[in-house]
Amino acid sequence: MAKLLLRLLDLAGFGAVEQVMRHRSFRIYLVGHIPNVIGVWVVRVAIGWLAWQLTGSAFWLGAVAAADALPVLALGPIGGVMADRLDRRIIATVTQAALAVIAVILAALTFWDLMTIWILFSLALARGITAAFWQPVRLALMPNLVPRAEIPIAIALNSSTFNTAQFIGPAVAAGLLSLGGPSLAFAFNIFAASFMVWVLLVIDSPLAPLKKGSRASVFADVVAGMKYGLTHAGIAPMLLLLLILGLSIRPLTELLPGFADLVFGLGADGFSLMVSSLGAGAAVGAIWMLRQGNRGGITAIALRAGLLGGAAALIFALTTWLPLALVCLAVLGFSMTTGGIATQQLVQLSVPDEMRGRVLSLFGMVFRAGPSGGALLMGWIADVAGLSWPVGIGAALGLIAYIIGNGRRARLEALLETPNDVRCARVDTAEAAEASPPPAGRAAE
């Protein structure tokens, strides 16, 4: 059966997926990752909806989202150092076990009607602190599971499960919210996180760290990783654009409960429909990235995705017609997925193995914290001026930034998509040419 499935993938144009799925450790990890990320989206929808039920405030929507995401700014670099120094499987197992415990507390307090907005905020903050250590190790796992040449496909496949879950998770959340309220949704996440713990425990040991030990202090390692990522001529601009995307365009996704209620007059089912539209576009984007394989042109995909997402968010902010809003959300989901996968691929392929966890922690910080920070600011403004204005202005600013970025695409492609050995050879050739005397009979320039 497994051989037949792999053959069908090959015939469907997913031959690269067939190749990466032959690695046992990656297959096992993916099996655990699917229910785990469905659980992530279920608990995010449930927390957002519960925060809105408790307060009816766009500010609190942004605050709870920020509590879940912003700790990665302070702790993500430390998580990256741990991912480079320690056994990544152990870190992953401990963090998933902690998330399961937090889900138990969420489910119990909600079931017994003891939840308040401050308790919910505190538990969202606990999830955010835990995720700050899970995020870099999750991103850094790929080279431990597949050969370096197959990293782009592994990233795309891993991200496709995450974004397919973005489509399935809200639908599951809607059913659970209707059947038993947020407590049942939180209970589902207990199962999802616990299953991931079991999977991590049974994976074979290619998960040993790529670099054993370090004589430098943790602080020195953090600084070295941040310096590398923030001064790299190719990585730094892409991270900056991703940050602008997170602050100006992606906050829309965190504020959807408010849009569903105030702008479109929808309940929990309608809110779930909006998030599912976002997830449907994301799933299509992930599948499209899988079909891209190793064809190149990743930089162009990342930059054009920003343009597409900015335009979709701007139109969404200006419309009150639900069908058009759902189309915009699907387009936004497609753009966020393709842009996120492409940017992560560029970073993964440009960073040395000994820096991987720390530099990818920067990617995780930007990708996770940017939208929540933007949602916090936009939510605060929205409580005074309404939701549409801050989201529309943010989308327009993000669109301008990506127009500028697309104007520098050729230079970024040269920096990020040229293999390291080719770049080094070019540098060596240039240095040799400068050191060599000019040919006889030709004046030195």
Protein backbone atom coordinates (compact mmCIF):
# COMPACT_ATOMS: atom_id res chain seq x y z
CA MET A 1 0.00 0.00 0.00
CA ALA A 2 2.80 2.40 0.91
CA LYS A 3 4.53 1.72 -2.42
CA LEU A 4 1.27 2.30 -4.29
CA LEU A 5 0.75 5.63 -2.50
CA LEU A 6 4.28 6.76 -3.32
CA ARG A 7 3.78 5.75 -6.95
CA LEU A 8 0.53 7.73 -7.14
CA LEU A 9 2.32 10.76 -5.72
CA ASP A 10 4.95 10.43 -8.41
CA LEU A 11 2.37 10.18 -11.18
CA ALA A 12 0.52 13.22 -9.80
CA GLY A 13 3.65 15.33 -10.11
CA PHE A 14 4.80 15.01 -6.51
CA GLY A 15 7.87 12.88 -7.14
CA ALA A 16 9.93 14.94 -4.72
CA VAL A 17 7.39 14.14 -1.99
CA GLU A 18 7.82 10.44 -2.72
CA GLN A 19 11.56 10.81 -2.22
CA VAL A 20 11.37 12.62 1.11
CA MET A 21 8.70 10.26 2.47
CA ARG A 22 11.11 7.33 2.19
CA HIS A 23 12.88 8.53 5.35
CA ARG A 24 11.35 6.70 8.33
CA SER A 25 12.03 9.40 10.95
CA PHE A 26 10.40 12.07 8.80
CA ARG A 27 7.35 9.88 8.15
CA ILE A 28 6.85 9.25 11.87
CA TYR A 29 7.29 12.92 12.70
CA LEU A 30 4.73 13.89 10.06
CA VAL A 31 2.20 11.40 11.45
CA GLY A 32 2.42 13.11 14.81
CA HIS A 33 2.55 16.61 13.40
CA ILE A 34 -0.82 16.38 11.62
CA PRO A 35 -3.11 15.94 14.69
CA ASN A 36 -0.81 18.22 16.68
CA VAL A 37 -1.23 21.19 14.35
CA ILE A 38 -4.97 20.52 14.04
CA GLY A 39 -5.00 20.82 17.83
CA VAL A 40 -3.02 24.08 17.62
CA TRP A 41 -5.66 25.65 15.36
CA VAL A 42 -8.51 24.25 17.44
CA VAL A 43 -7.13 25.83 20.61
CA ARG A 44 -6.36 29.13 18.84
CA VAL A 45 -9.92 29.40 17.56
CA ALA A 46 -11.30 28.44 20.96
CA ILE A 47 -9.12 30.94 22.85
CA GLY A 48 -10.01 33.75 20.43
CA TRP A 49 -13.71 33.00 20.58
CA LEU A 50 -13.68 32.65 24.37
CA ALA A 51 -11.82 35.98 24.73
CA TRP A 52 -14.46 37.66 22.59
CA GLN A 53 -17.29 36.05 24.59
CA LEU A 54 -15.74 37.18 27.87
CA THR A 55 -15.08 40.80 26.86
CA GLY A 56 -16.47 41.76 23.43
CA SER A 57 -13.29 43.84 23.04
CA ALA A 58 -11.00 43.98 19.99
CA PHE A 59 -8.21 45.10 22.33
CA TRP A 60 -8.50 41.90 24.39
CA LEU A 61 -8.53 39.84 21.20
CA GLY A 62 -5.21 41.40 20.28
CA ALA A 63 -3.89 41.15 23.85
CA VAL A 64 -4.61 37.42 24.14
CA ALA A 65 -3.10 36.80 20.69
CA ALA A 66 -0.04 38.83 21.75
CA ALA A 67 0.31 36.85 24.99
CA ASP A 68 0.35 33.65 22.96
CA ALA A 69 2.93 34.92 20.47
CA LEU A 70 5.10 37.74 21.84
CA PRO A 71 7.13 35.68 24.38
CA VAL A 72 9.04 34.33 21.40
CA LEU A 73 10.66 37.77 21.09
CA ALA A 74 12.37 37.43 24.47
CA LEU A 75 12.84 33.67 24.67
CA GLY A 76 13.07 32.59 21.02
CA PRO A 77 16.83 33.30 20.75
CA ILE A 78 17.47 31.25 23.90
CA GLY A 79 15.36 28.47 22.40
CA GLY A 80 17.50 28.70 19.28
CA VAL A 81 20.71 28.27 21.31
CA MET A 82 19.19 25.22 23.01
CA ALA A 83 18.24 23.79 19.62
CA ASP A 84 21.88 24.15 18.51
CA ARG A 85 23.42 22.79 21.72
CA LEU A 86 21.06 20.10 23.02
CA ASP A 87 19.17 17.07 21.79
CA ARG A 88 16.31 18.50 19.77
CA ARG A 89 14.07 15.51 20.45
CA ILE A 90 14.27 16.04 24.22
CA ILE A 91 13.43 19.76 23.91
CA ALA A 92 10.52 18.98 21.59
CA THR A 93 9.16 16.29 23.92
CA VAL A 94 9.32 18.50 27.03
CA THR A 95 7.62 21.45 25.33
CA GLN A 96 4.82 19.32 23.92
CA ALA A 97 4.23 17.75 27.33
CA ALA A 98 3.99 21.25 28.83
CA LEU A 99 1.44 22.30 26.19
CA ALA A 100 -0.64 19.22 27.05
CA VAL A 101 -0.65 20.25 30.73
CA ILE A 102 -1.75 23.80 29.83
CA ALA A 103 -4.57 22.33 27.72
CA VAL A 104 -5.73 20.33 30.76
CA ILE A 105 -5.91 23.53 32.85
CA LEU A 106 -7.76 25.41 30.08
CA ALA A 107 -10.31 22.61 29.71
CA ALA A 108 -10.90 22.24 33.46
CA LEU A 109 -11.34 25.94 34.25
CA THR A 110 -13.63 26.49 31.27
CA PHE A 111 -15.71 23.38 32.03
CA TRP A 112 -16.29 24.51 35.64
CA ASP A 113 -17.02 28.08 34.53
CA LEU A 114 -14.05 29.47 36.45
CA MET A 115 -12.41 31.20 33.49
CA THR A 116 -11.84 34.95 33.47
CA ILE A 117 -10.14 37.08 30.86
CA TRP A 118 -7.08 37.52 33.08
CA ILE A 119 -6.74 33.77 33.65
CA LEU A 120 -7.18 33.20 29.92
CA PHE A 121 -4.53 35.84 29.23
CA SER A 122 -2.15 34.16 31.70
CA LEU A 123 -2.64 30.71 30.18
CA ALA A 124 -2.17 32.13 26.68
CA LEU A 125 1.07 33.67 27.97
CA ALA A 126 2.15 30.27 29.35
CA ARG A 127 1.47 28.73 25.94
CA GLY A 128 3.50 31.49 24.32
CA ILE A 129 6.47 30.94 26.63
CA THR A 130 6.42 27.21 25.93
CA ALA A 131 6.05 27.75 22.20
CA ALA A 132 9.09 30.05 22.26
CA PHE A 133 11.20 26.93 22.88
CA TRP A 134 9.16 24.63 20.62
CA GLN A 135 9.26 26.94 17.58
CA PRO A 136 13.03 27.03 16.90
CA VAL A 137 13.51 23.34 17.59
CA ARG A 138 10.61 22.47 15.28
CA LEU A 139 12.10 24.57 12.49
CA ALA A 140 15.60 23.19 13.09
CA LEU A 141 14.50 19.53 13.02
CA MET A 142 14.33 19.18 9.25
CA PRO A 143 18.08 18.65 8.60
CA ASN A 144 18.01 15.93 11.27
CA LEU A 145 15.24 14.08 9.48
CA VAL A 146 16.17 14.37 5.78
CA PRO A 147 19.33 15.02 3.71
CA ARG A 148 20.18 18.66 3.06
CA ALA A 149 19.21 18.45 -0.62
CA GLU A 150 15.65 17.46 0.36
CA ILE A 151 15.13 20.20 2.97
CA PRO A 152 12.97 22.44 0.70
CA ILE A 153 10.51 19.61 0.05
CA ALA A 154 10.48 18.56 3.71
CA ILE A 155 9.73 22.17 4.71
CA ALA A 156 6.96 22.45 2.12
CA LEU A 157 5.42 19.13 3.17
CA ASN A 158 5.67 20.00 6.86
CA SER A 159 4.10 23.39 6.19
CA SER A 160 1.39 21.84 4.05
CA THR A 161 0.23 19.80 7.03
CA PHE A 162 0.21 22.95 9.15
CA ASN A 163 -1.84 24.87 6.63
CA THR A 164 -4.15 21.98 5.81
CA ALA A 165 -4.79 21.88 9.55
CA GLN A 166 -5.63 25.59 9.30
CA PHE A 167 -8.52 24.47 7.09
CA ILE A 168 -9.48 21.38 9.11
CA GLY A 169 -8.83 22.82 12.58
CA PRO A 170 -11.45 25.61 12.50
CA ALA A 171 -14.02 23.17 11.15
CA VAL A 172 -13.21 20.77 14.00
CA ALA A 173 -13.27 23.71 16.42
CA ALA A 174 -16.70 24.80 15.18
CA GLY A 175 -18.09 21.32 15.79
CA LEU A 176 -16.50 21.09 19.22
CA LEU A 177 -17.66 24.59 20.20
CA SER A 178 -21.21 23.70 19.14
CA LEU A 179 -21.17 20.34 20.94
CA GLY A 180 -19.46 21.24 24.20
CA GLY A 181 -18.14 24.77 24.08
CA PRO A 182 -14.51 25.84 24.45
CA SER A 183 -13.82 23.23 27.15
CA LEU A 184 -14.35 20.41 24.64
CA ALA A 185 -12.07 22.16 22.15
CA PHE A 186 -9.35 22.45 24.80
CA ALA A 187 -9.83 18.77 25.66
CA PHE A 188 -9.11 17.88 22.01
CA ASN A 189 -5.79 19.69 22.29
CA ILE A 190 -4.86 17.49 25.26
CA PHE A 191 -5.08 14.48 22.96
CA ALA A 192 -3.20 16.20 20.10
CA ALA A 193 -0.24 17.35 22.21
CA SER A 194 -0.03 14.02 24.04
CA PHE A 195 0.03 12.10 20.77
CA MET A 196 2.91 14.30 19.57
CA VAL A 197 4.83 13.48 22.76
CA TRP A 198 4.43 9.76 22.04
CA VAL A 199 5.60 10.20 18.44
CA LEU A 200 8.71 12.12 19.48
CA LEU A 201 9.60 9.36 21.92
CA VAL A 202 9.52 6.65 19.24
CA ILE A 203 11.49 8.48 16.54
CA ASP A 204 14.93 7.02 15.83
CA SER A 205 17.96 8.95 16.97
CA PRO A 206 19.08 10.93 13.90
CA LEU A 207 17.64 13.71 16.04
CA ALA A 208 20.95 14.18 17.89
CA PRO A 209 22.10 17.82 17.72
CA LEU A 210 24.18 18.87 14.77
CA LYS A 211 26.71 20.57 17.01
CA LYS A 212 27.77 19.07 20.32
CA GLY A 213 28.35 21.54 23.11
CA SER A 214 29.67 25.07 22.96
CA ARG A 215 32.37 26.81 24.93
CA ALA A 216 30.73 30.21 24.51
CA SER A 217 28.14 31.49 26.96
CA VAL A 218 24.46 31.34 26.11
CA PHE A 219 24.42 35.11 25.75
CA ALA A 220 27.38 35.02 23.36
CA ASP A 221 25.71 32.33 21.27
CA VAL A 222 22.48 34.36 21.15
CA VAL A 223 24.38 37.45 20.02
CA ALA A 224 26.33 35.49 17.40
CA GLY A 225 23.15 34.01 15.92
CA MET A 226 21.33 37.33 15.84
CA LYS A 227 24.35 39.08 14.35
CA TYR A 228 24.61 36.49 11.59
CA GLY A 229 20.94 36.68 10.67
CA LEU A 230 20.55 40.44 10.96
CA THR A 231 23.70 41.28 8.99
CA HIS A 232 23.39 38.66 6.24
CA ALA A 233 22.91 40.59 2.99
CA GLY A 234 20.15 38.23 1.82
CA ILE A 235 18.52 36.89 4.98
CA ALA A 236 18.14 40.26 6.75
CA PRO A 237 16.00 41.94 4.01
CA MET A 238 13.73 38.90 3.78
CA LEU A 239 13.24 38.88 7.55
CA LEU A 240 12.50 42.61 7.46
CA LEU A 241 9.84 42.12 4.79
CA LEU A 242 8.38 39.21 6.75
CA LEU A 243 8.23 41.46 9.83
CA ILE A 244 6.44 44.18 7.86
CA LEU A 245 4.02 41.55 6.55
CA GLY A 246 3.39 40.38 10.11
CA LEU A 247 2.84 43.85 11.52
CA SER A 248 0.73 45.28 8.70
CA ILE A 249 -1.11 42.49 6.84
CA ARG A 250 -1.29 39.29 8.91
CA PRO A 251 -2.92 40.92 12.02
CA LEU A 252 -6.16 40.64 10.08
CA THR A 253 -6.19 36.92 10.87
CA GLU A 254 -5.99 37.61 14.63
CA LEU A 255 -8.87 40.10 14.48
CA LEU A 256 -11.28 37.85 12.56
CA PRO A 257 -13.59 37.21 15.58
CA GLY A 258 -14.27 40.94 15.70
CA PHE A 259 -14.87 41.18 11.94
CA ALA A 260 -17.17 38.15 12.06
CA ASP A 261 -19.31 39.70 14.78
CA LEU A 262 -19.22 43.47 14.22
CA VAL A 263 -18.81 43.77 10.43
CA PHE A 264 -20.58 40.68 9.11
CA GLY A 265 -22.94 39.83 11.99
CA LEU A 266 -21.86 36.19 12.22
CA GLY A 267 -21.78 33.75 15.13
CA ALA A 268 -19.32 30.96 15.92
CA ASP A 269 -20.20 29.00 12.77
CA GLY A 270 -19.71 32.05 10.56
CA PHE A 271 -16.41 32.86 12.25
CA SER A 272 -15.27 29.29 11.64
CA LEU A 273 -16.28 29.65 7.97
CA MET A 274 -14.07 32.72 7.64
CA VAL A 275 -11.08 30.99 9.26
CA SER A 276 -11.69 27.91 7.11
CA SER A 277 -11.64 30.08 3.97
CA LEU A 278 -8.29 31.39 5.10
CA GLY A 279 -7.13 27.83 5.71
CA ALA A 280 -8.43 26.58 2.35
CA GLY A 281 -6.30 29.12 0.53
CA ALA A 282 -3.36 28.20 2.75
CA ALA A 283 -3.77 24.52 1.93
CA VAL A 284 -3.83 25.26 -1.81
CA GLY A 285 -0.69 27.35 -1.38
CA ALA A 286 1.09 24.55 0.46
CA ILE A 287 0.18 22.02 -2.25
CA TRP A 288 1.35 24.43 -4.93
CA MET A 289 4.68 24.83 -3.14
CA LEU A 290 5.05 21.05 -3.00
CA ARG A 291 4.67 20.87 -6.78
CA GLN A 292 7.37 23.52 -7.16
CA GLY A 293 9.91 21.06 -5.79
CA ASN A 294 13.46 22.29 -6.29
CA ARG A 295 12.77 24.36 -9.39
CA GLY A 296 14.18 27.58 -7.97
CA GLY A 297 12.60 31.01 -8.16
CA ILE A 298 11.91 30.90 -4.43
CA THR A 299 12.78 34.56 -3.88
CA ALA A 300 10.29 35.67 -6.54
CA ILE A 301 7.59 33.54 -4.90
CA ALA A 302 8.25 35.09 -1.47
CA LEU A 303 8.15 38.65 -2.82
CA ARG A 304 5.12 38.25 -5.06
CA ALA A 305 3.22 36.54 -2.24
CA GLY A 306 3.56 39.75 -0.22
CA LEU A 307 2.03 41.76 -3.04
CA LEU A 308 -0.86 39.34 -3.35
CA GLY A 309 -1.49 39.25 0.40
CA GLY A 310 -1.41 43.03 0.73
CA ALA A 311 -3.95 43.47 -2.06
CA ALA A 312 -6.26 40.79 -0.59
CA ALA A 313 -6.14 42.29 2.92
CA LEU A 314 -6.84 45.78 1.58
CA ILE A 315 -9.91 44.64 -0.36
CA PHE A 316 -11.14 42.65 2.66
CA ALA A 317 -10.91 45.76 4.86
CA LEU A 318 -12.98 47.76 2.36
CA THR A 319 -15.81 45.27 1.75
CA THR A 320 -18.90 44.31 3.73
CA TRP A 321 -20.01 41.64 1.21
CA LEU A 322 -19.34 38.24 2.76
CA PRO A 323 -18.67 36.24 -0.47
CA LEU A 324 -15.98 38.72 -1.55
CA ALA A 325 -14.53 38.72 1.98
CA LEU A 326 -14.26 34.91 1.90
CA VAL A 327 -12.45 35.04 -1.45
CA CYS A 328 -10.04 37.66 -0.06
CA LEU A 329 -9.34 35.47 2.96
CA ALA A 330 -8.61 32.48 0.71
CA VAL A 331 -6.20 34.58 -1.36
CA LEU A 332 -4.59 35.90 1.83
CA GLY A 333 -4.17 32.34 3.11
CA PHE A 334 -2.55 31.30 -0.18
CA SER A 335 -0.14 34.23 -0.10
CA MET A 336 0.83 33.83 3.55
CA THR A 337 1.58 30.13 3.06
CA THR A 338 3.57 30.42 -0.14
CA GLY A 339 5.47 33.45 1.17
CA GLY A 340 6.18 31.86 4.55
CA ILE A 341 7.34 28.55 3.07
CA ALA A 342 9.51 30.29 0.47
CA THR A 343 11.12 32.58 3.04
CA GLN A 344 11.84 29.68 5.39
CA GLN A 345 13.36 27.68 2.51
CA LEU A 346 15.65 30.59 1.66
CA VAL A 347 16.80 30.92 5.27
CA GLN A 348 17.28 27.16 5.74
CA LEU A 349 19.43 26.89 2.62
CA SER A 350 21.49 30.01 3.37
CA VAL A 351 22.43 29.35 7.00
CA PRO A 352 25.29 27.09 8.20
CA ASP A 353 24.28 24.06 10.26
CA GLU A 354 25.94 25.31 13.45
CA MET A 355 23.83 28.50 13.33
CA ARG A 356 20.58 26.90 12.20
CA GLY A 357 18.62 26.92 15.46
CA ARG A 358 19.55 30.49 16.34
CA VAL A 359 18.93 32.01 12.92
CA LEU A 360 15.68 30.10 12.53
CA SER A 361 14.65 31.40 15.94
CA LEU A 362 14.77 34.86 14.33
CA PHE A 363 12.49 33.59 11.57
CA GLY A 364 10.16 32.14 14.20
CA MET A 365 10.19 35.36 16.21
CA VAL A 366 9.21 37.41 13.19
CA PHE A 367 6.68 34.93 11.83
CA ARG A 368 4.92 34.34 15.14
CA ALA A 369 5.24 37.62 17.03
CA GLY A 370 4.75 40.08 14.17
CA PRO A 371 1.03 39.41 13.57
CA SER A 372 0.23 39.42 17.28
CA GLY A 373 2.10 42.67 17.90
CA GLY A 374 0.29 44.22 14.95
CA ALA A 375 -3.04 42.82 16.18
CA LEU A 376 -2.46 44.33 19.61
CA LEU A 377 -1.88 47.79 18.11
CA MET A 378 -4.69 47.48 15.57
CA GLY A 379 -7.07 46.13 18.21
CA TRP A 380 -6.36 49.11 20.46
CA ILE A 381 -7.04 51.53 17.56
CA ALA A 382 -10.09 49.52 16.47
CA ASP A 383 -11.81 49.94 19.82
CA VAL A 384 -11.84 53.69 19.05
CA ALA A 385 -12.01 53.92 15.24
CA GLY A 386 -13.50 50.58 14.15
CA LEU A 387 -11.83 47.52 12.68
CA SER A 388 -11.70 48.38 8.98
CA TRP A 389 -9.56 51.53 9.12
CA PRO A 390 -6.47 50.18 10.91
CA VAL A 391 -6.53 46.94 8.92
CA GLY A 392 -6.89 48.80 5.62
CA ILE A 393 -4.08 51.25 6.37
CA GLY A 394 -1.83 48.41 7.52
CA ALA A 395 -2.50 46.46 4.33
CA ALA A 396 -1.65 49.49 2.20
CA LEU A 397 1.65 50.02 4.04
CA GLY A 398 2.57 46.35 3.65
CA LEU A 399 1.76 46.50 -0.05
CA ILE A 400 4.10 49.47 -0.51
CA ALA A 401 6.93 47.65 1.30
CA TYR A 402 6.63 44.62 -0.97
CA ILE A 403 6.50 46.80 -4.08
CA ILE A 404 9.89 48.18 -2.99
CA GLY A 405 11.16 44.67 -2.22
CA ASN A 406 10.16 43.38 -5.65
CA GLY A 407 12.22 46.17 -7.18
CA ARG A 408 15.32 44.55 -5.59
CA ARG A 409 14.44 40.98 -6.48
CA ALA A 410 17.39 40.30 -8.78
CA ARG A 411 19.95 41.18 -6.11
CA LEU A 412 18.20 39.07 -3.48
CA GLU A 413 18.01 36.12 -5.86
CA ALA A 414 21.76 36.32 -6.44
CA LEU A 415 22.43 36.39 -2.69
CA LEU A 416 20.00 33.67 -1.61
CA GLU A 417 19.58 31.22 -4.46
CA THR A 418 23.18 30.84 -5.62
CA PRO A 419 24.65 27.71 -3.97
CA ASN A 420 27.24 28.41 -1.28
CA ASP A 421 30.02 26.63 -3.15
CA VAL A 422 29.33 28.69 -6.28
CA ARG A 423 29.36 31.93 -4.28
CA CYS A 424 32.61 30.92 -2.61
CA ALA A 425 34.13 29.99 -5.97
CA ARG A 426 33.18 33.39 -7.35
CA VAL A 427 34.77 35.12 -4.37
CA ASP A 428 37.94 33.01 -4.66
CA THR A 429 38.15 33.75 -8.39
CA ALA A 430 37.74 37.45 -7.81
CA GLU A 431 40.38 37.47 -5.07
CA ALA A 432 42.79 35.49 -7.26
CA ALA A 433 42.25 37.88 -10.14
CA GLU A 434 43.02 40.84 -7.91
CA ALA A 435 46.18 39.19 -6.56
CA SER A 436 47.52 38.03 -9.96
CA PRO A 437 49.74 40.32 -12.07
CA PRO A 438 48.26 41.44 -15.41
CA PRO A 439 49.29 39.43 -18.54
CA ALA A 440 52.50 40.47 -20.26
CA GLY A 441 52.09 43.33 -22.68
CA ARG A 442 48.98 44.62 -20.86
CA ALA A 443 49.08 47.59 -18.53
CA ALA A 444 47.73 47.13 -15.03
CA GLU A 445 44.43 48.94 -14.50
